[in-house]
Amino acid sequence: VTYQGASDTSDCVEVTSLVNVAEHTAINVNCYPVPADDVLNVTADPMRRIQVFAGNGQLLVDEKIDGVSQHTIYTQRFAPGTYVIRITTDRGVVSRKFIVRH
């Protein structure tokens, strides 16, 4: 990030995978409720891994799960704000933003 001649990359996050539109529509993912208070329910094609990142890119949750189609993330320990959930399935990877408020 460059602002008024100064550069800072300390809060930058490397993006390692992207999903194109065709792949994104082929993976059925639902996250609810949004905004989340205490829980975020995730339903998708059989999932292999769920990761949750804070707005600054910090990894908060990294759960390897074995082919389940429904999973619950307990969000009461998260501060109110915007987060990113990354869901890995056999068909690919999908990232979604969600909001936590208490």
C-alpha atoms as a PDB file:
ATOM      1  CA  VAL A   1       0.000   0.000   0.000  1.00  0.00           C
ATOM      2  CA  THR A   2       1.353   3.382  -0.919  1.00  0.00           C
ATOM      3  CA  TYR A   3      -0.017   6.598   0.518  1.00  0.00           C
ATOM      4  CA  GLN A   4       1.539  10.057   0.153  1.00  0.00           C
ATOM      5  CA  GLY A   5       4.866   8.559  -0.882  1.00  0.00           C
ATOM      6  CA  ALA A   6       5.117   6.031   1.999  1.00  0.00           C
ATOM      7  CA  SER A   7       4.801   2.276   1.406  1.00  0.00           C
ATOM      8  CA  ASP A   8       3.644  -0.377   3.852  1.00  0.00           C
ATOM      9  CA  THR A   9       3.068  -4.063   3.078  1.00  0.00           C
ATOM     10  CA  SER A  10       2.744  -5.306   6.675  1.00  0.00           C
ATOM     11  CA  ASP A  11      -1.038  -5.814   6.396  1.00  0.00           C
ATOM     12  CA  CYS A  12      -1.009  -7.261   2.877  1.00  0.00           C
ATOM     13  CA  VAL A  13      -2.182 -10.827   2.374  1.00  0.00           C
ATOM     14  CA  GLU A  14      -1.051 -13.075  -0.463  1.00  0.00           C
ATOM     15  CA  VAL A  15      -3.941 -14.579  -2.417  1.00  0.00           C
ATOM     16  CA  THR A  16      -3.037 -18.152  -3.265  1.00  0.00           C
ATOM     17  CA  SER A  17      -6.162 -19.316  -5.084  1.00  0.00           C
ATOM     18  CA  LEU A  18      -9.000 -17.761  -6.973  1.00  0.00           C
ATOM     19  CA  VAL A  19     -12.235 -19.245  -8.215  1.00  0.00           C
ATOM     20  CA  ASN A  20     -13.468 -18.142 -11.613  1.00  0.00           C
ATOM     21  CA  VAL A  21     -17.151 -17.545 -12.265  1.00  0.00           C
ATOM     22  CA  ALA A  22     -17.740 -20.964 -13.824  1.00  0.00           C
ATOM     23  CA  GLU A  23     -16.152 -22.758 -10.868  1.00  0.00           C
ATOM     24  CA  HIS A  24     -17.939 -20.526  -8.360  1.00  0.00           C
ATOM     25  CA  THR A  25     -21.379 -21.309  -9.724  1.00  0.00           C
ATOM     26  CA  ALA A  26     -20.580 -25.034  -9.807  1.00  0.00           C
ATOM     27  CA  ILE A  27     -19.918 -25.092  -6.041  1.00  0.00           C
ATOM     28  CA  ASN A  28     -23.101 -24.730  -4.021  1.00  0.00           C
ATOM     29  CA  VAL A  29     -22.235 -22.833  -0.801  1.00  0.00           C
ATOM     30  CA  ASN A  30     -24.566 -21.179   1.702  1.00  0.00           C
ATOM     31  CA  CYS A  31     -23.497 -19.277   4.821  1.00  0.00           C
ATOM     32  CA  TYR A  32     -26.161 -18.094   7.262  1.00  0.00           C
ATOM     33  CA  PRO A  33     -27.211 -16.117   9.168  1.00  0.00           C
ATOM     34  CA  VAL A  34     -25.445 -13.003   7.963  1.00  0.00           C
ATOM     35  CA  PRO A  35     -24.780 -11.011   9.978  1.00  0.00           C
ATOM     36  CA  ALA A  36     -23.875 -13.724  12.472  1.00  0.00           C
ATOM     37  CA  ASP A  37     -24.278 -13.300  16.213  1.00  0.00           C
ATOM     38  CA  ASP A  38     -23.158 -16.549  17.867  1.00  0.00           C
ATOM     39  CA  VAL A  39     -22.886 -19.021  14.993  1.00  0.00           C
ATOM     40  CA  LEU A  40     -22.340 -19.149  11.242  1.00  0.00           C
ATOM     41  CA  ASN A  41     -23.830 -22.217   9.567  1.00  0.00           C
ATOM     42  CA  VAL A  42     -22.160 -23.403   6.392  1.00  0.00           C
ATOM     43  CA  THR A  43     -23.656 -25.811   3.877  1.00  0.00           C
ATOM     44  CA  ALA A  44     -21.814 -26.872   0.741  1.00  0.00           C
ATOM     45  CA  ASP A  45     -20.797 -29.752  -1.428  1.00  0.00           C
ATOM     46  CA  PRO A  46     -18.901 -32.178   0.776  1.00  0.00           C
ATOM     47  CA  MET A  47     -16.341 -29.937   2.471  1.00  0.00           C
ATOM     48  CA  ARG A  48     -12.743 -30.833   3.243  1.00  0.00           C
ATOM     49  CA  ARG A  49     -11.512 -27.705   5.023  1.00  0.00           C
ATOM     50  CA  ILE A  50     -12.883 -24.466   6.466  1.00  0.00           C
ATOM     51  CA  GLN A  51     -10.712 -21.455   7.248  1.00  0.00           C
ATOM     52  CA  VAL A  52     -11.783 -18.124   8.719  1.00  0.00           C
ATOM     53  CA  PHE A  53      -9.662 -14.990   8.340  1.00  0.00           C
ATOM     54  CA  ALA A  54      -9.963 -11.676  10.174  1.00  0.00           C
ATOM     55  CA  GLY A  55     -10.051  -8.464   8.177  1.00  0.00           C
ATOM     56  CA  ASN A  56      -6.279  -8.092   8.628  1.00  0.00           C
ATOM     57  CA  GLY A  57      -5.650 -11.542   7.101  1.00  0.00           C
ATOM     58  CA  GLN A  58      -4.973 -13.338  10.392  1.00  0.00           C
ATOM     59  CA  LEU A  59      -6.035 -16.989  10.285  1.00  0.00           C
ATOM     60  CA  LEU A  60      -8.521 -17.556  13.124  1.00  0.00           C
ATOM     61  CA  VAL A  61      -9.994 -20.963  12.284  1.00  0.00           C
ATOM     62  CA  ASP A  62      -8.470 -23.822  10.310  1.00  0.00           C
ATOM     63  CA  GLU A  63     -10.599 -26.946  10.506  1.00  0.00           C
ATOM     64  CA  LYS A  64     -10.043 -30.032   8.405  1.00  0.00           C
ATOM     65  CA  ILE A  65     -13.347 -31.813   8.044  1.00  0.00           C
ATOM     66  CA  ASP A  66     -14.025 -35.062   6.272  1.00  0.00           C
ATOM     67  CA  GLY A  67     -16.639 -34.685   3.598  1.00  0.00           C
ATOM     68  CA  VAL A  68     -19.501 -33.216   5.637  1.00  0.00           C
ATOM     69  CA  SER A  69     -22.122 -31.040   3.927  1.00  0.00           C
ATOM     70  CA  GLN A  70     -23.050 -28.933   6.978  1.00  0.00           C
ATOM     71  CA  HIS A  71     -20.764 -27.314   9.559  1.00  0.00           C
ATOM     72  CA  THR A  72     -21.163 -24.682  12.289  1.00  0.00           C
ATOM     73  CA  ILE A  73     -18.577 -22.026  13.135  1.00  0.00           C
ATOM     74  CA  TYR A  74     -19.015 -20.566  16.624  1.00  0.00           C
ATOM     75  CA  THR A  75     -18.540 -16.809  16.223  1.00  0.00           C
ATOM     76  CA  GLN A  76     -19.178 -15.578  19.766  1.00  0.00           C
ATOM     77  CA  ARG A  77     -15.397 -15.413  20.340  1.00  0.00           C
ATOM     78  CA  PHE A  78     -14.930 -13.102  17.326  1.00  0.00           C
ATOM     79  CA  ALA A  79     -14.995  -9.337  17.743  1.00  0.00           C
ATOM     80  CA  PRO A  80     -17.705  -7.581  15.736  1.00  0.00           C
ATOM     81  CA  GLY A  81     -16.478  -6.956  12.206  1.00  0.00           C
ATOM     82  CA  THR A  82     -16.008  -8.392   8.725  1.00  0.00           C
ATOM     83  CA  TYR A  83     -14.404 -11.786   8.155  1.00  0.00           C
ATOM     84  CA  VAL A  84     -13.650 -14.092   5.234  1.00  0.00           C
ATOM     85  CA  ILE A  85     -14.502 -17.775   5.230  1.00  0.00           C
ATOM     86  CA  ARG A  86     -12.659 -20.038   2.778  1.00  0.00           C
ATOM     87  CA  ILE A  87     -14.307 -23.369   2.057  1.00  0.00           C
ATOM     88  CA  THR A  88     -12.431 -26.162   0.317  1.00  0.00           C
ATOM     89  CA  THR A  89     -14.460 -28.891  -1.394  1.00  0.00           C
ATOM     90  CA  ASP A  90     -13.582 -31.630  -3.834  1.00  0.00           C
ATOM     91  CA  ARG A  91     -14.700 -29.245  -6.605  1.00  0.00           C
ATOM     92  CA  GLY A  92     -12.559 -26.263  -5.590  1.00  0.00           C
ATOM     93  CA  VAL A  93     -12.254 -23.361  -3.185  1.00  0.00           C
ATOM     94  CA  VAL A  94     -14.800 -20.623  -2.462  1.00  0.00           C
ATOM     95  CA  SER A  95     -14.285 -17.535  -0.305  1.00  0.00           C
ATOM     96  CA  ARG A  96     -17.121 -15.481   1.147  1.00  0.00           C
ATOM     97  CA  LYS A  97     -17.251 -12.415   3.364  1.00  0.00           C
ATOM     98  CA  PHE A  98     -19.460 -12.420   6.432  1.00  0.00           C
ATOM     99  CA  ILE A  99     -20.186 -10.020   9.263  1.00  0.00           C
ATOM    100  CA  VAL A 100     -20.204 -10.752  12.993  1.00  0.00           C
ATOM    101  CA  ARG A 101     -22.174  -8.549  15.338  1.00  0.00           C
ATOM    102  CA  HIS A 102     -23.138  -9.172  18.942  1.00  0.00           C
END
